[in-house]
Amino acid sequence: MSPAPSPSRQRAVHPAVHALFQRRLEGDDALLRLGNLRFAQAGLAAEVYADTPEQLQHVLGFVSPLPNLPMVHLNRSVNLLHERDRSLVEEFATRFSGRVSGLVVHDQRDMATRVPELMAGLRELAGRSPAPYIFLEYAAGLEPDLFVDIAQRMGEMERVSVCVDVGHVGIRQARMHFRNRHPDLDLAALHPEDPRLPSLAADVQAAVDSALPAVLEMTRALGRIGKRVHFHLHDGHPVIPGLSDHFSFLTQIAVPFEHRGRRSLDPMYGPGGLAAMVSAAIDALGGERASLTLEIHQSEGRLPIGDAAPLFRHWQDLKNAERMNYWLSVLTENNVLVSNVIEPRPGR
């Protein structure tokens, strides 16, 4: 259970809450119309993916500007160390000024040794680009202290700041913690069926438990800089094969053995961790300088489309519509968890 908010928080401006908005599955634009319907019902703003301005132009036709302008996540290969990529970011910023609130761009591993060059490029971009914000996302596994230092160096650059991806921060921290105890074994090399996992489960979960404090520490450090910060919120666990994060905060990791009375492992954060991260963002930044996106990719199931049936009258097979509707329901459930923190109601 999350702690009751302070009176000052109750009076504060709430952070903008977004969720991932995309077509995801094979089908036509009825899937985007379904997304728009469910986002409107939940009061969610959108964060969309776009590789080109033309892609963004198309998807914005299905996104409401309310309750907040959408965020845009650019292609992961965009590298702000490169002039051609900065020109692309500037093109997005110029063409969609007033229509989107921010552009999210991944950091890159080579930035660790080229910080002065990165700062020069960002300074140049900040001087040329109009609104929206440009957010450099923690994604490449840089040292957290270096990432905070990069944010500090942004200083007075207008409309340039950082995005904290809590999954990337947490997975890196858990692997580092586990390596200190088991220097010859990478935590990410384990998987739920691994015969080594039962004897290592306690150490694995201790490593996973270290993820939340790392995120909270980074959040507080960024809050002291005084800039706006965006957050990508999602859960996961290092032993999940393939993409080990971008899961719901209600996920449990099934294992074929008993651990602490259950045949499952807790994820990095869970609902309590989500509440702690959202509270820390509000406390460190205030609602006016924090924004949040539920960047949850991985959920599979089917849910009847119900009131959205008129959108799919031309469809013969509703399987992908029901799969999309299920994924949207997962986003909505996680939005309720966030809402319980930022706008608590009696009886919740």
Protein backbone atom coordinates (compact mmCIF):
# COMPACT_ATOMS: atom_id res chain seq x y z
CA MET A 1 0.00 0.00 0.00
CA SER A 2 1.38 3.40 -0.94
CA PRO A 3 1.65 6.04 1.79
CA ALA A 4 -0.95 8.77 2.01
CA PRO A 5 0.11 11.88 0.10
CA SER A 6 1.06 14.99 1.97
CA PRO A 7 -1.35 17.97 1.92
CA SER A 8 1.10 19.87 -0.30
CA ARG A 9 1.05 17.06 -2.85
CA GLN A 10 -2.76 17.08 -2.89
CA ARG A 11 -2.64 20.73 -3.95
CA ALA A 12 0.20 20.26 -6.42
CA VAL A 13 -0.03 20.04 -10.18
CA HIS A 14 -0.23 16.40 -11.23
CA PRO A 15 2.43 15.06 -13.61
CA ALA A 16 1.27 14.29 -17.13
CA VAL A 17 0.62 10.54 -17.49
CA HIS A 18 1.13 8.99 -20.92
CA ALA A 19 1.06 5.42 -22.19
CA LEU A 20 2.47 3.72 -25.24
CA PHE A 21 0.20 4.26 -28.26
CA GLN A 22 0.79 2.17 -31.38
CA ARG A 23 -0.95 -0.23 -33.75
CA ARG A 24 1.16 -3.19 -32.58
CA LEU A 25 -0.71 -5.89 -34.54
CA GLU A 26 -1.59 -6.68 -38.13
CA GLY A 27 -4.74 -4.83 -39.14
CA ASP A 28 -5.96 -1.47 -40.33
CA ASP A 29 -6.39 1.88 -38.62
CA ALA A 30 -9.40 0.62 -36.67
CA LEU A 31 -6.79 -0.57 -34.15
CA LEU A 32 -5.58 3.01 -33.72
CA ARG A 33 -9.17 4.19 -33.32
CA LEU A 34 -9.62 1.56 -30.62
CA GLY A 35 -6.50 2.88 -28.90
CA ASN A 36 -7.82 6.43 -29.04
CA LEU A 37 -11.13 5.30 -27.52
CA ARG A 38 -9.50 3.46 -24.63
CA PHE A 39 -7.04 6.30 -23.95
CA ALA A 40 -9.92 8.79 -23.82
CA GLN A 41 -11.83 6.55 -21.42
CA ALA A 42 -8.77 6.25 -19.15
CA GLY A 43 -7.74 9.93 -19.37
CA LEU A 44 -4.33 8.93 -20.73
CA ALA A 45 -2.06 10.95 -22.99
CA ALA A 46 -0.12 9.14 -25.71
CA GLU A 47 3.52 8.38 -26.37
CA VAL A 48 3.98 7.25 -29.97
CA TYR A 49 6.88 5.73 -31.89
CA ALA A 50 7.93 7.32 -35.17
CA ASP A 51 10.92 6.74 -37.45
CA THR A 52 10.01 9.48 -39.94
CA PRO A 53 7.97 12.69 -39.87
CA GLU A 54 5.52 11.02 -42.26
CA GLN A 55 4.90 8.17 -39.80
CA LEU A 56 4.31 10.67 -37.03
CA GLN A 57 1.96 12.72 -39.19
CA HIS A 58 -0.15 9.61 -39.79
CA VAL A 59 -0.39 8.41 -36.20
CA LEU A 60 -1.14 11.89 -34.84
CA GLY A 61 -4.36 11.74 -36.83
CA PHE A 62 -5.57 9.16 -34.31
CA VAL A 63 -4.25 10.78 -31.13
CA SER A 64 -6.14 13.32 -29.07
CA PRO A 65 -4.16 16.33 -27.81
CA LEU A 66 -6.03 15.99 -24.51
CA PRO A 67 -5.41 15.67 -21.61
CA ASN A 68 -1.81 16.46 -22.68
CA LEU A 69 0.05 16.73 -25.95
CA PRO A 70 1.65 13.42 -26.99
CA MET A 71 5.26 12.44 -26.51
CA VAL A 72 7.24 10.98 -29.43
CA HIS A 73 9.84 8.23 -29.15
CA LEU A 74 12.23 8.42 -32.11
CA ASN A 75 14.06 5.48 -33.65
CA ARG A 76 16.56 3.88 -31.26
CA SER A 77 19.37 4.26 -33.79
CA VAL A 78 19.20 8.08 -33.73
CA ASN A 79 22.52 9.27 -32.28
CA LEU A 80 22.80 12.88 -31.15
CA LEU A 81 26.56 12.71 -31.69
CA HIS A 82 25.88 12.74 -35.44
CA GLU A 83 24.98 15.92 -37.30
CA ARG A 84 22.60 14.13 -39.67
CA ASP A 85 20.65 12.72 -36.71
CA ARG A 86 20.50 16.08 -34.97
CA SER A 87 19.12 17.50 -38.22
CA LEU A 88 16.42 14.82 -38.18
CA VAL A 89 15.50 15.69 -34.59
CA GLU A 90 15.37 19.36 -35.55
CA GLU A 91 13.06 18.50 -38.46
CA PHE A 92 10.68 16.69 -36.09
CA ALA A 93 10.82 19.58 -33.61
CA THR A 94 10.15 22.21 -36.26
CA ARG A 95 7.41 20.38 -38.13
CA PHE A 96 5.49 19.30 -35.03
CA SER A 97 6.02 22.30 -32.76
CA GLY A 98 2.83 22.90 -30.81
CA ARG A 99 1.51 19.40 -31.59
CA VAL A 100 3.78 17.25 -29.39
CA SER A 101 5.26 17.91 -25.98
CA GLY A 102 8.58 16.07 -26.27
CA LEU A 103 10.92 13.98 -28.42
CA VAL A 104 12.67 11.05 -26.74
CA VAL A 105 16.07 9.99 -28.13
CA HIS A 106 18.18 7.10 -26.80
CA ASP A 107 21.63 7.63 -25.39
CA GLN A 108 24.43 5.56 -26.96
CA ARG A 109 27.38 3.69 -25.47
CA ASP A 110 29.97 5.84 -27.24
CA MET A 111 28.62 8.92 -25.47
CA ALA A 112 30.50 7.78 -22.36
CA THR A 113 33.83 8.77 -23.95
CA ARG A 114 32.53 11.71 -25.99
CA VAL A 115 30.68 13.82 -23.43
CA PRO A 116 32.11 17.21 -24.54
CA GLU A 117 31.13 16.41 -28.13
CA LEU A 118 27.64 15.41 -26.99
CA MET A 119 27.26 18.65 -25.05
CA ALA A 120 28.34 20.69 -28.07
CA GLY A 121 25.80 18.91 -30.24
CA LEU A 122 23.01 19.37 -27.71
CA ARG A 123 23.88 23.03 -27.28
CA GLU A 124 23.74 23.51 -31.03
CA LEU A 125 20.42 21.67 -31.23
CA ALA A 126 18.95 23.62 -28.32
CA GLY A 127 19.88 26.86 -30.04
CA ARG A 128 18.21 25.92 -33.31
CA SER A 129 15.17 23.88 -32.32
CA PRO A 130 11.83 25.33 -31.22
CA ALA A 131 9.51 23.52 -28.81
CA PRO A 132 9.03 20.60 -28.04
CA TYR A 133 11.41 19.27 -25.40
CA ILE A 134 14.21 16.89 -26.39
CA PHE A 135 14.80 14.12 -23.83
CA LEU A 136 17.96 11.98 -23.83
CA GLU A 137 16.85 8.57 -22.54
CA TYR A 138 18.90 6.31 -20.26
CA ALA A 139 19.04 3.19 -22.44
CA ALA A 140 22.63 2.12 -23.20
CA GLY A 141 23.70 1.16 -19.68
CA LEU A 142 25.93 4.16 -18.94
CA GLU A 143 27.22 4.61 -15.41
CA PRO A 144 24.32 6.25 -13.54
CA ASP A 145 26.61 8.94 -12.12
CA LEU A 146 27.76 9.79 -15.63
CA PHE A 147 24.15 10.07 -16.84
CA VAL A 148 23.35 12.45 -13.97
CA ASP A 149 26.51 14.41 -14.81
CA ILE A 150 25.32 14.72 -18.42
CA ALA A 151 22.00 16.08 -17.13
CA GLN A 152 23.87 18.58 -14.96
CA ARG A 153 25.95 19.72 -17.92
CA MET A 154 22.77 20.48 -19.83
CA GLY A 155 22.50 23.34 -17.35
CA GLU A 156 20.65 26.23 -18.86
CA MET A 157 20.00 24.59 -22.23
CA GLU A 158 16.36 25.34 -22.87
CA ARG A 159 14.02 22.45 -23.63
CA VAL A 160 16.75 19.81 -23.43
CA SER A 161 16.71 17.28 -20.59
CA VAL A 162 16.74 13.55 -19.81
CA CYS A 163 14.39 10.57 -19.68
CA VAL A 164 14.83 7.88 -17.03
CA ASP A 165 13.89 4.41 -18.27
CA VAL A 166 13.37 2.55 -15.01
CA GLY A 167 13.65 -0.84 -16.70
CA HIS A 168 17.09 -0.10 -18.13
CA VAL A 169 18.29 1.38 -14.83
CA GLY A 170 16.93 -1.56 -12.85
CA ILE A 171 18.23 -4.35 -15.08
CA ARG A 172 21.73 -2.83 -15.07
CA GLN A 173 21.70 -2.42 -11.30
CA ALA A 174 20.47 -5.97 -10.67
CA ARG A 175 23.17 -7.44 -12.91
CA MET A 176 25.88 -5.38 -11.21
CA HIS A 177 24.64 -6.40 -7.74
CA PHE A 178 24.56 -10.09 -8.70
CA ARG A 179 28.04 -9.90 -10.26
CA ASN A 180 29.47 -8.72 -6.95
CA ARG A 181 28.28 -11.97 -5.36
CA HIS A 182 28.83 -14.23 -8.39
CA PRO A 183 31.61 -12.71 -10.50
CA ASP A 184 31.71 -15.66 -12.90
CA LEU A 185 27.99 -15.66 -13.72
CA ASP A 186 25.90 -13.07 -15.53
CA LEU A 187 22.42 -12.74 -14.04
CA ALA A 188 20.99 -12.29 -17.53
CA ALA A 189 22.35 -15.74 -18.50
CA LEU A 190 19.85 -17.41 -16.17
CA HIS A 191 16.28 -18.26 -17.15
CA PRO A 192 13.22 -19.64 -15.28
CA GLU A 193 13.92 -23.26 -16.31
CA ASP A 194 17.64 -23.04 -15.54
CA PRO A 195 18.64 -25.89 -13.13
CA ARG A 196 20.96 -23.44 -11.34
CA LEU A 197 18.19 -21.01 -10.48
CA PRO A 198 16.63 -22.75 -7.43
CA SER A 199 19.88 -22.62 -5.45
CA LEU A 200 20.54 -19.03 -6.60
CA ALA A 201 17.02 -17.67 -6.16
CA ALA A 202 17.72 -15.81 -2.91
CA ASP A 203 20.73 -14.03 -4.41
CA VAL A 204 18.82 -13.35 -7.63
CA GLN A 205 15.98 -11.71 -5.74
CA ALA A 206 18.38 -9.73 -3.55
CA ALA A 207 19.90 -8.36 -6.76
CA VAL A 208 16.46 -7.58 -8.16
CA ASP A 209 15.51 -5.82 -4.93
CA SER A 210 18.43 -3.44 -5.43
CA ALA A 211 16.81 -1.99 -8.58
CA LEU A 212 14.30 0.26 -6.83
CA PRO A 213 16.82 2.10 -4.62
CA ALA A 214 18.95 2.79 -7.71
CA VAL A 215 16.00 4.40 -9.52
CA LEU A 216 15.04 6.44 -6.46
CA GLU A 217 18.61 7.67 -6.02
CA MET A 218 18.83 8.76 -9.67
CA THR A 219 15.45 10.49 -9.42
CA ARG A 220 16.49 12.49 -6.37
CA ALA A 221 19.81 13.45 -7.99
CA LEU A 222 18.06 14.68 -11.13
CA GLY A 223 15.53 16.56 -9.05
CA ARG A 224 18.32 18.67 -7.56
CA ILE A 225 19.27 19.92 -11.03
CA GLY A 226 15.97 21.72 -11.44
CA LYS A 227 15.10 20.58 -14.97
CA ARG A 228 12.05 18.78 -16.30
CA VAL A 229 12.50 14.96 -16.40
CA HIS A 230 10.50 12.34 -18.28
CA PHE A 231 10.13 8.75 -17.02
CA HIS A 232 9.50 5.50 -18.88
CA LEU A 233 7.75 3.18 -16.45
CA HIS A 234 7.62 -0.59 -16.85
CA ASP A 235 8.55 -3.71 -14.92
CA GLY A 236 10.50 -6.86 -15.62
CA HIS A 237 13.07 -9.31 -14.31
CA PRO A 238 16.60 -10.13 -15.55
CA VAL A 239 15.90 -13.89 -15.88
CA ILE A 240 13.05 -13.41 -18.36
CA PRO A 241 14.38 -14.64 -21.73
CA GLY A 242 14.64 -12.16 -24.60
CA LEU A 243 13.39 -8.70 -23.72
CA SER A 244 13.48 -8.82 -19.93
CA ASP A 245 11.54 -5.66 -19.21
CA HIS A 246 8.64 -3.61 -20.64
CA PHE A 247 6.15 -5.69 -18.62
CA SER A 248 3.16 -4.72 -16.48
CA PHE A 249 3.75 -3.92 -12.81
CA LEU A 250 1.31 -6.75 -12.03
CA THR A 251 3.59 -9.40 -13.57
CA GLN A 252 4.88 -12.41 -11.67
CA ILE A 253 7.65 -14.60 -13.10
CA ALA A 254 6.56 -18.26 -13.07
CA VAL A 255 9.26 -20.77 -12.07
CA PRO A 256 9.12 -24.59 -11.73
CA PHE A 257 10.17 -24.57 -8.08
CA GLU A 258 8.98 -23.10 -4.81
CA HIS A 259 10.50 -19.85 -3.52
CA ARG A 260 9.17 -18.13 -0.41
CA GLY A 261 6.04 -20.27 -0.52
CA ARG A 262 5.22 -19.57 -4.19
CA ARG A 263 6.21 -20.98 -7.56
CA SER A 264 6.97 -17.53 -8.88
CA LEU A 265 9.46 -14.69 -8.44
CA ASP A 266 8.62 -11.07 -7.78
CA PRO A 267 9.49 -8.57 -10.52
CA MET A 268 11.85 -5.65 -9.99
CA TYR A 269 9.18 -3.25 -8.78
CA GLY A 270 5.58 -4.45 -8.57
CA PRO A 271 2.77 -2.08 -7.57
CA GLY A 272 4.61 -0.95 -4.44
CA GLY A 273 7.74 -0.10 -6.37
CA LEU A 274 5.72 1.79 -8.97
CA ALA A 275 4.10 3.83 -6.19
CA ALA A 276 7.52 4.58 -4.69
CA MET A 277 8.94 5.71 -8.05
CA VAL A 278 5.98 7.95 -8.87
CA SER A 279 6.05 9.45 -5.37
CA ALA A 280 9.79 10.09 -5.64
CA ALA A 281 9.33 11.81 -9.01
CA ILE A 282 6.65 14.09 -7.58
CA ASP A 283 8.64 14.83 -4.43
CA ALA A 284 11.89 15.52 -6.32
CA LEU A 285 10.49 17.40 -9.30
CA GLY A 286 6.95 18.49 -8.56
CA GLY A 287 4.09 17.66 -10.89
CA GLU A 288 5.00 20.48 -13.24
CA ARG A 289 8.53 19.14 -13.96
CA ALA A 290 7.79 15.40 -14.08
CA SER A 291 6.05 13.47 -16.82
CA LEU A 292 5.43 9.73 -17.01
CA THR A 293 4.87 7.13 -19.70
CA LEU A 294 3.67 3.59 -19.10
CA GLU A 295 5.92 2.00 -21.74
CA ILE A 296 4.52 -1.52 -21.47
CA HIS A 297 5.01 -3.67 -24.56
CA GLN A 298 4.70 -7.23 -23.38
CA SER A 299 1.26 -8.58 -22.59
CA GLU A 300 -0.56 -11.26 -24.49
CA GLY A 301 -4.23 -12.21 -24.22
CA ARG A 302 -7.64 -11.57 -25.73
CA LEU A 303 -10.48 -9.40 -24.45
CA PRO A 304 -13.85 -8.95 -26.22
CA ILE A 305 -14.06 -5.49 -27.78
CA GLY A 306 -17.47 -4.69 -26.27
CA ASP A 307 -18.41 -1.05 -26.84
CA ALA A 308 -15.78 -0.74 -29.60
CA ALA A 309 -17.61 -3.20 -31.87
CA PRO A 310 -18.76 -0.46 -34.31
CA LEU A 311 -15.11 0.27 -35.14
CA PHE A 312 -14.69 -3.26 -36.48
CA ARG A 313 -17.88 -3.87 -38.46
CA HIS A 314 -15.76 -4.41 -41.58
CA TRP A 315 -13.58 -7.10 -39.91
CA GLN A 316 -14.31 -10.80 -40.39
CA ASP A 317 -11.85 -12.05 -37.74
CA LEU A 318 -11.66 -10.10 -34.46
CA LYS A 319 -8.65 -11.92 -33.01
CA ASN A 320 -6.19 -9.03 -33.36
CA ALA A 321 -8.81 -6.51 -32.23
CA GLU A 322 -9.30 -8.56 -29.06
CA ARG A 323 -5.54 -8.91 -28.57
CA MET A 324 -5.15 -5.14 -28.94
CA ASN A 325 -8.04 -4.57 -26.55
CA TYR A 326 -6.38 -6.82 -23.97
CA TRP A 327 -3.08 -4.92 -24.22
CA LEU A 328 -4.95 -1.64 -23.80
CA SER A 329 -6.67 -3.06 -20.72
CA VAL A 330 -3.24 -3.80 -19.21
CA LEU A 331 -2.21 -0.18 -19.80
CA THR A 332 -5.44 0.94 -18.13
CA GLU A 333 -4.87 -1.30 -15.10
CA ASN A 334 -1.38 0.11 -14.64
CA ASN A 335 -2.73 3.64 -15.07
CA VAL A 336 -5.04 2.96 -12.12
CA LEU A 337 -1.97 2.09 -10.03
CA VAL A 338 -0.38 5.42 -10.99
CA SER A 339 -3.60 7.32 -10.35
CA ASN A 340 -3.80 5.85 -6.86
CA VAL A 341 -0.54 7.69 -6.11
CA ILE A 342 -0.97 11.02 -7.85
CA GLU A 343 -4.70 11.47 -7.31
CA PRO A 344 -5.87 9.24 -4.46
CA ARG A 345 -9.58 8.93 -3.81
CA PRO A 346 -11.39 7.93 -0.61
CA GLY A 347 -11.76 4.18 -0.33
CA ARG A 348 -8.87 3.31 -2.64
